[in-house]
N, C-alpha and C. Protein backbone atom coordinates (compact mmCIF):
# COMPACT_ATOMS: atom_id res chain seq x y z
N MET A 1 -25.03 -0.39 -3.55
CA MET A 1 -23.90 -1.07 -2.93
C MET A 1 -24.41 -2.32 -2.23
N ALA A 2 -23.66 -3.39 -2.31
CA ALA A 2 -24.06 -4.65 -1.68
C ALA A 2 -24.23 -4.45 -0.18
N SER A 3 -25.29 -5.02 0.35
CA SER A 3 -25.50 -4.88 1.79
C SER A 3 -24.63 -5.89 2.54
N GLY A 4 -24.45 -5.66 3.80
CA GLY A 4 -23.69 -6.60 4.60
C GLY A 4 -22.20 -6.32 4.64
N ILE A 5 -21.76 -5.19 4.10
CA ILE A 5 -20.35 -4.83 4.18
C ILE A 5 -20.09 -4.29 5.57
N LYS A 6 -19.16 -4.93 6.26
CA LYS A 6 -18.84 -4.53 7.62
C LYS A 6 -17.47 -3.86 7.64
N LEU A 7 -17.39 -2.74 8.32
CA LEU A 7 -16.13 -2.01 8.44
C LEU A 7 -15.52 -2.27 9.81
N THR A 8 -14.20 -2.38 9.84
CA THR A 8 -13.52 -2.54 11.11
C THR A 8 -13.39 -1.17 11.76
N SER A 9 -13.05 -1.13 13.03
CA SER A 9 -12.88 0.16 13.71
C SER A 9 -11.72 0.93 13.09
N LYS A 10 -10.70 0.22 12.63
CA LYS A 10 -9.56 0.88 11.98
C LYS A 10 -10.01 1.54 10.67
N GLU A 11 -10.83 0.83 9.88
CA GLU A 11 -11.34 1.40 8.63
C GLU A 11 -12.23 2.62 8.92
N MET A 12 -13.02 2.55 9.97
CA MET A 12 -13.88 3.69 10.33
C MET A 12 -13.04 4.90 10.74
N ARG A 13 -11.92 4.66 11.43
CA ARG A 13 -11.03 5.77 11.80
C ARG A 13 -10.41 6.40 10.56
N TYR A 14 -10.02 5.56 9.59
CA TYR A 14 -9.47 6.08 8.33
C TYR A 14 -10.51 6.92 7.59
N ILE A 15 -11.76 6.45 7.57
CA ILE A 15 -12.83 7.19 6.90
C ILE A 15 -13.03 8.54 7.58
N ALA A 16 -13.06 8.56 8.90
CA ALA A 16 -13.25 9.81 9.65
C ALA A 16 -12.12 10.80 9.34
N LEU A 17 -10.88 10.31 9.34
CA LEU A 17 -9.73 11.17 9.03
C LEU A 17 -9.83 11.69 7.60
N PHE A 18 -10.12 10.80 6.68
CA PHE A 18 -10.22 11.16 5.26
C PHE A 18 -11.30 12.23 5.04
N GLN A 19 -12.47 12.01 5.62
CA GLN A 19 -13.57 12.96 5.45
C GLN A 19 -13.27 14.31 6.10
N SER A 20 -12.61 14.30 7.26
CA SER A 20 -12.32 15.56 7.94
C SER A 20 -11.30 16.38 7.16
N ILE A 21 -10.36 15.73 6.48
CA ILE A 21 -9.34 16.45 5.73
C ILE A 21 -9.85 16.87 4.34
N THR A 22 -10.61 15.99 3.68
CA THR A 22 -11.00 16.26 2.29
C THR A 22 -12.38 16.89 2.15
N GLY A 23 -13.29 16.59 3.05
CA GLY A 23 -14.67 17.04 2.91
C GLY A 23 -15.48 16.17 1.96
N ALA A 24 -14.85 15.15 1.39
CA ALA A 24 -15.53 14.24 0.47
C ALA A 24 -16.31 13.19 1.25
N ALA A 25 -17.44 12.75 0.68
CA ALA A 25 -18.26 11.71 1.31
C ALA A 25 -17.72 10.33 0.93
N VAL A 26 -17.34 9.55 1.93
CA VAL A 26 -16.78 8.22 1.71
C VAL A 26 -17.86 7.17 1.88
N LYS A 27 -17.96 6.25 0.89
CA LYS A 27 -18.93 5.17 0.96
C LYS A 27 -18.30 3.91 1.58
N ASP A 28 -16.97 3.77 1.40
CA ASP A 28 -16.31 2.55 1.86
C ASP A 28 -14.81 2.80 1.93
N CYS A 29 -14.14 1.99 2.74
CA CYS A 29 -12.69 2.04 2.87
C CYS A 29 -12.18 0.61 2.98
N ILE A 30 -11.16 0.32 2.21
CA ILE A 30 -10.55 -1.00 2.28
C ILE A 30 -9.07 -0.80 2.58
N LEU A 31 -8.61 -1.38 3.67
CA LEU A 31 -7.20 -1.30 4.03
C LEU A 31 -6.50 -2.55 3.53
N ASP A 32 -5.53 -2.36 2.68
CA ASP A 32 -4.77 -3.45 2.09
C ASP A 32 -3.36 -3.39 2.69
N ASP A 33 -3.17 -4.08 3.82
CA ASP A 33 -1.89 -4.03 4.52
C ASP A 33 -0.77 -4.66 3.71
N GLU A 34 -1.12 -5.67 2.92
CA GLU A 34 -0.12 -6.36 2.10
C GLU A 34 0.53 -5.39 1.11
N ALA A 35 -0.27 -4.52 0.51
CA ALA A 35 0.24 -3.55 -0.47
C ALA A 35 0.47 -2.18 0.18
N ASN A 36 0.26 -2.09 1.50
CA ASN A 36 0.41 -0.84 2.25
C ASN A 36 -0.37 0.31 1.62
N ARG A 37 -1.67 0.05 1.37
CA ARG A 37 -2.50 1.07 0.75
C ARG A 37 -3.89 1.10 1.37
N ALA A 38 -4.53 2.24 1.22
CA ALA A 38 -5.92 2.42 1.65
C ALA A 38 -6.71 2.81 0.40
N ILE A 39 -7.80 2.09 0.15
CA ILE A 39 -8.64 2.36 -1.01
C ILE A 39 -9.94 2.97 -0.51
N PHE A 40 -10.25 4.16 -0.99
CA PHE A 40 -11.47 4.85 -0.57
C PHE A 40 -12.45 4.92 -1.73
N MET A 41 -13.69 4.57 -1.44
CA MET A 41 -14.77 4.68 -2.39
C MET A 41 -15.52 5.96 -2.03
N VAL A 42 -15.51 6.94 -2.94
CA VAL A 42 -16.17 8.21 -2.64
C VAL A 42 -17.43 8.37 -3.48
N LYS A 43 -18.33 9.21 -2.98
CA LYS A 43 -19.59 9.50 -3.66
C LYS A 43 -19.30 10.08 -5.04
N GLU A 44 -20.21 9.82 -5.99
CA GLU A 44 -20.06 10.37 -7.33
C GLU A 44 -19.87 11.88 -7.27
N GLY A 45 -18.89 12.36 -7.99
CA GLY A 45 -18.63 13.79 -8.05
C GLY A 45 -17.68 14.32 -6.98
N ASP A 46 -17.26 13.47 -6.04
CA ASP A 46 -16.40 13.92 -4.94
C ASP A 46 -14.91 13.63 -5.13
N VAL A 47 -14.52 13.08 -6.27
CA VAL A 47 -13.12 12.71 -6.47
C VAL A 47 -12.20 13.93 -6.42
N GLY A 48 -12.58 14.99 -7.13
CA GLY A 48 -11.75 16.20 -7.15
C GLY A 48 -11.55 16.78 -5.76
N MET A 49 -12.64 16.82 -4.99
CA MET A 49 -12.57 17.33 -3.62
C MET A 49 -11.67 16.44 -2.78
N ALA A 50 -11.77 15.13 -2.98
CA ALA A 50 -10.97 14.18 -2.21
C ALA A 50 -9.48 14.34 -2.50
N ILE A 51 -9.13 14.52 -3.75
CA ILE A 51 -7.72 14.65 -4.13
C ILE A 51 -7.16 15.99 -3.65
N GLY A 52 -7.94 17.03 -3.83
CA GLY A 52 -7.49 18.37 -3.44
C GLY A 52 -6.65 19.01 -4.52
N LYS A 53 -6.52 20.32 -4.46
CA LYS A 53 -5.76 21.07 -5.46
C LYS A 53 -4.30 20.61 -5.48
N GLY A 54 -3.87 20.14 -6.65
CA GLY A 54 -2.49 19.67 -6.77
C GLY A 54 -2.22 18.40 -5.98
N GLY A 55 -3.27 17.69 -5.57
CA GLY A 55 -3.11 16.45 -4.80
C GLY A 55 -2.77 16.68 -3.34
N LYS A 56 -3.00 17.90 -2.83
CA LYS A 56 -2.56 18.21 -1.46
C LYS A 56 -3.23 17.35 -0.39
N ASN A 57 -4.51 17.01 -0.57
CA ASN A 57 -5.19 16.18 0.43
C ASN A 57 -4.59 14.78 0.50
N ILE A 58 -4.34 14.20 -0.66
CA ILE A 58 -3.76 12.86 -0.71
C ILE A 58 -2.36 12.85 -0.12
N HIS A 59 -1.55 13.85 -0.47
CA HIS A 59 -0.19 13.92 0.06
C HIS A 59 -0.21 14.03 1.59
N LEU A 60 -1.10 14.84 2.10
CA LEU A 60 -1.21 15.00 3.56
C LEU A 60 -1.63 13.69 4.22
N LEU A 61 -2.64 13.04 3.67
CA LEU A 61 -3.11 11.77 4.23
C LEU A 61 -2.02 10.69 4.16
N GLU A 62 -1.31 10.64 3.05
CA GLU A 62 -0.25 9.63 2.91
C GLU A 62 0.87 9.88 3.92
N LYS A 63 1.17 11.15 4.17
CA LYS A 63 2.20 11.49 5.14
C LYS A 63 1.74 11.11 6.56
N MET A 64 0.46 11.35 6.86
CA MET A 64 -0.08 11.08 8.19
C MET A 64 -0.19 9.58 8.49
N THR A 65 -0.53 8.79 7.46
CA THR A 65 -0.81 7.37 7.69
C THR A 65 0.30 6.44 7.22
N SER A 66 1.26 6.96 6.47
CA SER A 66 2.34 6.15 5.88
C SER A 66 1.80 5.05 4.98
N LYS A 67 0.66 5.32 4.33
CA LYS A 67 0.07 4.39 3.37
C LYS A 67 -0.20 5.12 2.07
N LYS A 68 -0.18 4.39 0.97
CA LYS A 68 -0.58 4.93 -0.32
C LYS A 68 -2.10 4.99 -0.32
N HIS A 69 -2.67 6.06 -0.85
CA HIS A 69 -4.13 6.22 -0.89
C HIS A 69 -4.63 6.18 -2.33
N GLU A 70 -5.66 5.38 -2.54
CA GLU A 70 -6.29 5.30 -3.86
C GLU A 70 -7.75 5.72 -3.69
N ILE A 71 -8.22 6.50 -4.65
CA ILE A 71 -9.59 6.99 -4.60
C ILE A 71 -10.33 6.51 -5.83
N ILE A 72 -11.50 5.94 -5.61
CA ILE A 72 -12.34 5.45 -6.70
C ILE A 72 -13.71 6.09 -6.54
N GLU A 73 -14.24 6.60 -7.65
CA GLU A 73 -15.57 7.19 -7.64
C GLU A 73 -16.60 6.07 -7.76
N TYR A 74 -17.51 6.00 -6.78
CA TYR A 74 -18.53 4.96 -6.78
C TYR A 74 -19.59 5.25 -7.83
N SER A 75 -20.18 4.21 -8.38
CA SER A 75 -21.32 4.33 -9.29
C SER A 75 -22.23 3.13 -9.06
N GLU A 76 -23.54 3.38 -9.13
CA GLU A 76 -24.51 2.28 -9.00
C GLU A 76 -24.46 1.36 -10.22
N ASP A 77 -23.97 1.88 -11.35
CA ASP A 77 -23.87 1.12 -12.59
C ASP A 77 -22.56 0.33 -12.58
N PRO A 78 -22.63 -1.01 -12.59
CA PRO A 78 -21.41 -1.80 -12.50
C PRO A 78 -20.38 -1.50 -13.59
N ALA A 79 -20.83 -1.25 -14.82
CA ALA A 79 -19.89 -0.97 -15.90
C ALA A 79 -19.17 0.36 -15.65
N GLN A 80 -19.90 1.37 -15.23
CA GLN A 80 -19.28 2.67 -14.93
C GLN A 80 -18.34 2.54 -13.73
N PHE A 81 -18.75 1.76 -12.74
CA PHE A 81 -17.92 1.55 -11.56
C PHE A 81 -16.58 0.92 -11.95
N ILE A 82 -16.62 -0.12 -12.77
CA ILE A 82 -15.40 -0.79 -13.21
C ILE A 82 -14.52 0.19 -14.00
N LYS A 83 -15.14 0.99 -14.85
CA LYS A 83 -14.41 1.99 -15.63
C LYS A 83 -13.72 2.99 -14.69
N ASN A 84 -14.45 3.45 -13.66
CA ASN A 84 -13.87 4.38 -12.69
C ASN A 84 -12.70 3.74 -11.94
N ALA A 85 -12.86 2.48 -11.57
CA ALA A 85 -11.84 1.79 -10.78
C ALA A 85 -10.57 1.52 -11.59
N LEU A 86 -10.69 1.47 -12.91
CA LEU A 86 -9.53 1.19 -13.75
C LEU A 86 -8.82 2.46 -14.22
N LYS A 87 -9.34 3.63 -13.88
CA LYS A 87 -8.67 4.88 -14.28
C LYS A 87 -7.26 4.89 -13.73
N PRO A 88 -6.30 5.35 -14.46
CA PRO A 88 -6.33 6.14 -15.69
C PRO A 88 -6.31 5.31 -16.97
N ALA A 89 -6.43 3.99 -16.90
CA ALA A 89 -6.47 3.18 -18.12
C ALA A 89 -7.71 3.55 -18.93
N HIS A 90 -7.57 3.59 -20.24
CA HIS A 90 -8.67 3.95 -21.12
C HIS A 90 -9.46 2.69 -21.49
N VAL A 91 -10.67 2.58 -20.95
CA VAL A 91 -11.55 1.43 -21.19
C VAL A 91 -12.35 1.69 -22.46
N THR A 92 -12.32 0.74 -23.40
CA THR A 92 -13.08 0.91 -24.64
C THR A 92 -14.43 0.21 -24.59
N GLU A 93 -14.55 -0.87 -23.81
CA GLU A 93 -15.81 -1.60 -23.74
C GLU A 93 -15.85 -2.47 -22.48
N ILE A 94 -17.06 -2.59 -21.91
CA ILE A 94 -17.26 -3.49 -20.78
C ILE A 94 -18.52 -4.29 -21.06
N ARG A 95 -18.39 -5.60 -21.01
CA ARG A 95 -19.54 -6.49 -21.18
C ARG A 95 -19.73 -7.28 -19.89
N ILE A 96 -20.91 -7.16 -19.31
CA ILE A 96 -21.23 -7.94 -18.12
C ILE A 96 -22.29 -8.96 -18.52
N THR A 97 -21.94 -10.22 -18.33
CA THR A 97 -22.87 -11.28 -18.73
C THR A 97 -23.11 -12.23 -17.58
N GLU A 98 -24.31 -12.82 -17.61
CA GLU A 98 -24.65 -13.80 -16.59
C GLU A 98 -24.51 -15.19 -17.20
N LYS A 99 -23.73 -16.03 -16.54
CA LYS A 99 -23.53 -17.39 -17.03
C LYS A 99 -24.76 -18.23 -16.68
N THR A 100 -24.82 -19.43 -17.24
CA THR A 100 -25.97 -20.31 -17.01
C THR A 100 -26.13 -20.69 -15.55
N ASP A 101 -25.02 -20.68 -14.78
CA ASP A 101 -25.11 -21.01 -13.35
C ASP A 101 -25.57 -19.81 -12.51
N GLY A 102 -25.88 -18.69 -13.17
CA GLY A 102 -26.39 -17.51 -12.46
C GLY A 102 -25.31 -16.54 -12.01
N LYS A 103 -24.04 -16.89 -12.21
CA LYS A 103 -22.95 -16.01 -11.79
C LYS A 103 -22.63 -15.02 -12.90
N SER A 104 -22.32 -13.80 -12.51
CA SER A 104 -21.99 -12.75 -13.48
C SER A 104 -20.49 -12.62 -13.64
N ILE A 105 -20.08 -12.31 -14.87
CA ILE A 105 -18.68 -12.02 -15.15
C ILE A 105 -18.61 -10.73 -15.97
N ALA A 106 -17.49 -10.05 -15.89
CA ALA A 106 -17.29 -8.83 -16.67
C ALA A 106 -16.06 -9.00 -17.53
N VAL A 107 -16.19 -8.64 -18.80
CA VAL A 107 -15.06 -8.66 -19.72
C VAL A 107 -14.79 -7.21 -20.08
N VAL A 108 -13.58 -6.77 -19.80
CA VAL A 108 -13.21 -5.37 -19.99
C VAL A 108 -12.18 -5.27 -21.11
N GLN A 109 -12.47 -4.41 -22.09
CA GLN A 109 -11.51 -4.13 -23.17
C GLN A 109 -10.84 -2.80 -22.87
N VAL A 110 -9.52 -2.80 -22.87
CA VAL A 110 -8.77 -1.54 -22.69
C VAL A 110 -7.88 -1.34 -23.92
N LYS A 111 -7.49 -0.08 -24.14
CA LYS A 111 -6.57 0.18 -25.24
C LYS A 111 -5.29 -0.60 -24.97
N PRO A 112 -4.70 -1.20 -26.02
CA PRO A 112 -3.50 -2.03 -25.83
C PRO A 112 -2.40 -1.35 -25.02
N ARG A 113 -2.20 -0.07 -25.24
CA ARG A 113 -1.11 0.62 -24.52
C ARG A 113 -1.44 0.80 -23.03
N ASP A 114 -2.71 0.65 -22.65
CA ASP A 114 -3.12 0.82 -21.25
C ASP A 114 -3.29 -0.50 -20.50
N LYS A 115 -3.02 -1.60 -21.17
CA LYS A 115 -3.24 -2.91 -20.53
C LYS A 115 -2.38 -3.07 -19.27
N GLY A 116 -1.15 -2.62 -19.34
CA GLY A 116 -0.26 -2.71 -18.18
C GLY A 116 -0.77 -1.89 -17.01
N ILE A 117 -1.32 -0.71 -17.28
CA ILE A 117 -1.90 0.14 -16.23
C ILE A 117 -3.10 -0.56 -15.60
N ALA A 118 -3.96 -1.14 -16.45
CA ALA A 118 -5.18 -1.80 -15.96
C ALA A 118 -4.85 -3.01 -15.09
N ILE A 119 -3.86 -3.78 -15.50
CA ILE A 119 -3.51 -4.99 -14.74
C ILE A 119 -2.68 -4.63 -13.51
N GLY A 120 -1.76 -3.68 -13.66
CA GLY A 120 -0.95 -3.24 -12.53
C GLY A 120 0.23 -4.14 -12.26
N LYS A 121 1.12 -3.63 -11.42
CA LYS A 121 2.32 -4.38 -11.05
C LYS A 121 1.92 -5.65 -10.32
N ASN A 122 2.43 -6.77 -10.79
CA ASN A 122 2.11 -8.09 -10.23
C ASN A 122 0.61 -8.37 -10.21
N GLY A 123 -0.15 -7.74 -11.12
CA GLY A 123 -1.60 -7.98 -11.19
C GLY A 123 -2.39 -7.34 -10.08
N ARG A 124 -1.78 -6.40 -9.36
CA ARG A 124 -2.42 -5.79 -8.19
C ARG A 124 -3.72 -5.06 -8.54
N ASN A 125 -3.73 -4.30 -9.64
CA ASN A 125 -4.95 -3.58 -10.02
C ASN A 125 -6.05 -4.53 -10.47
N ALA A 126 -5.67 -5.57 -11.19
CA ALA A 126 -6.65 -6.57 -11.63
C ALA A 126 -7.29 -7.26 -10.42
N GLU A 127 -6.47 -7.60 -9.43
CA GLU A 127 -7.00 -8.21 -8.20
C GLU A 127 -7.94 -7.26 -7.47
N ARG A 128 -7.55 -5.98 -7.41
CA ARG A 128 -8.37 -4.98 -6.73
C ARG A 128 -9.74 -4.88 -7.40
N ILE A 129 -9.76 -4.81 -8.74
CA ILE A 129 -11.05 -4.66 -9.43
C ILE A 129 -11.90 -5.92 -9.27
N ARG A 130 -11.29 -7.09 -9.25
CA ARG A 130 -12.06 -8.33 -9.03
C ARG A 130 -12.69 -8.31 -7.63
N PHE A 131 -11.90 -7.92 -6.64
CA PHE A 131 -12.39 -7.84 -5.26
C PHE A 131 -13.55 -6.85 -5.15
N LEU A 132 -13.38 -5.66 -5.74
CA LEU A 132 -14.42 -4.62 -5.64
C LEU A 132 -15.69 -5.00 -6.40
N ALA A 133 -15.55 -5.60 -7.59
CA ALA A 133 -16.71 -6.00 -8.38
C ALA A 133 -17.53 -7.06 -7.63
N LYS A 134 -16.84 -7.96 -6.95
CA LYS A 134 -17.52 -8.99 -6.15
C LYS A 134 -18.18 -8.35 -4.93
N ARG A 135 -17.48 -7.44 -4.27
CA ARG A 135 -17.96 -6.80 -3.05
C ARG A 135 -19.23 -5.98 -3.28
N TYR A 136 -19.29 -5.25 -4.39
CA TYR A 136 -20.42 -4.35 -4.63
C TYR A 136 -21.49 -4.89 -5.54
N PHE A 137 -21.12 -5.72 -6.51
CA PHE A 137 -22.10 -6.14 -7.52
C PHE A 137 -22.21 -7.64 -7.68
N ASP A 138 -21.55 -8.41 -6.84
CA ASP A 138 -21.57 -9.87 -6.90
C ASP A 138 -21.15 -10.38 -8.28
N ILE A 139 -20.17 -9.72 -8.88
CA ILE A 139 -19.61 -10.16 -10.15
C ILE A 139 -18.45 -11.09 -9.81
N GLU A 140 -18.55 -12.34 -10.26
CA GLU A 140 -17.59 -13.38 -9.90
C GLU A 140 -16.18 -13.13 -10.42
N ASN A 141 -16.07 -12.66 -11.67
CA ASN A 141 -14.75 -12.49 -12.24
C ASN A 141 -14.74 -11.31 -13.20
N VAL A 142 -13.58 -10.68 -13.29
CA VAL A 142 -13.37 -9.57 -14.23
C VAL A 142 -12.16 -9.94 -15.06
N SER A 143 -12.36 -10.00 -16.37
CA SER A 143 -11.28 -10.33 -17.30
C SER A 143 -10.88 -9.06 -18.04
N ILE A 144 -9.58 -8.75 -18.03
CA ILE A 144 -9.09 -7.55 -18.72
C ILE A 144 -8.37 -7.96 -19.99
N ASN A 145 -8.88 -7.48 -21.13
CA ASN A 145 -8.30 -7.82 -22.44
C ASN A 145 -7.81 -6.58 -23.14
């Protein structure tokens, strides 16, 4: 994970609440007030624990905070991370290339029927993945095809 990520006290409170209810290990929390959502990055293998049986943990957290909660499984591998962040869209290929100016970009191929899921309403999911790819792997842009 990229160093230098600073959490606000509000984000730390959300992480503490999330961990106490789910038992999952949280690596990061991003509060998106504009979309009224909280995005949690959990340790590999902790997604099921975070969601809870039948989604009970998420429902409880959403009721307590009045925010939509999104959970993404973290991975040290940027391609796997992007794939995890785009779930439930079915990713067929991810190419990460470094341009001549030294900046990295990712080109993601999804099944045509899943393109809408990957991009999201008003491009919200595409924006989220661009933000996260930059935050953790210094990838300048993510293109979804």
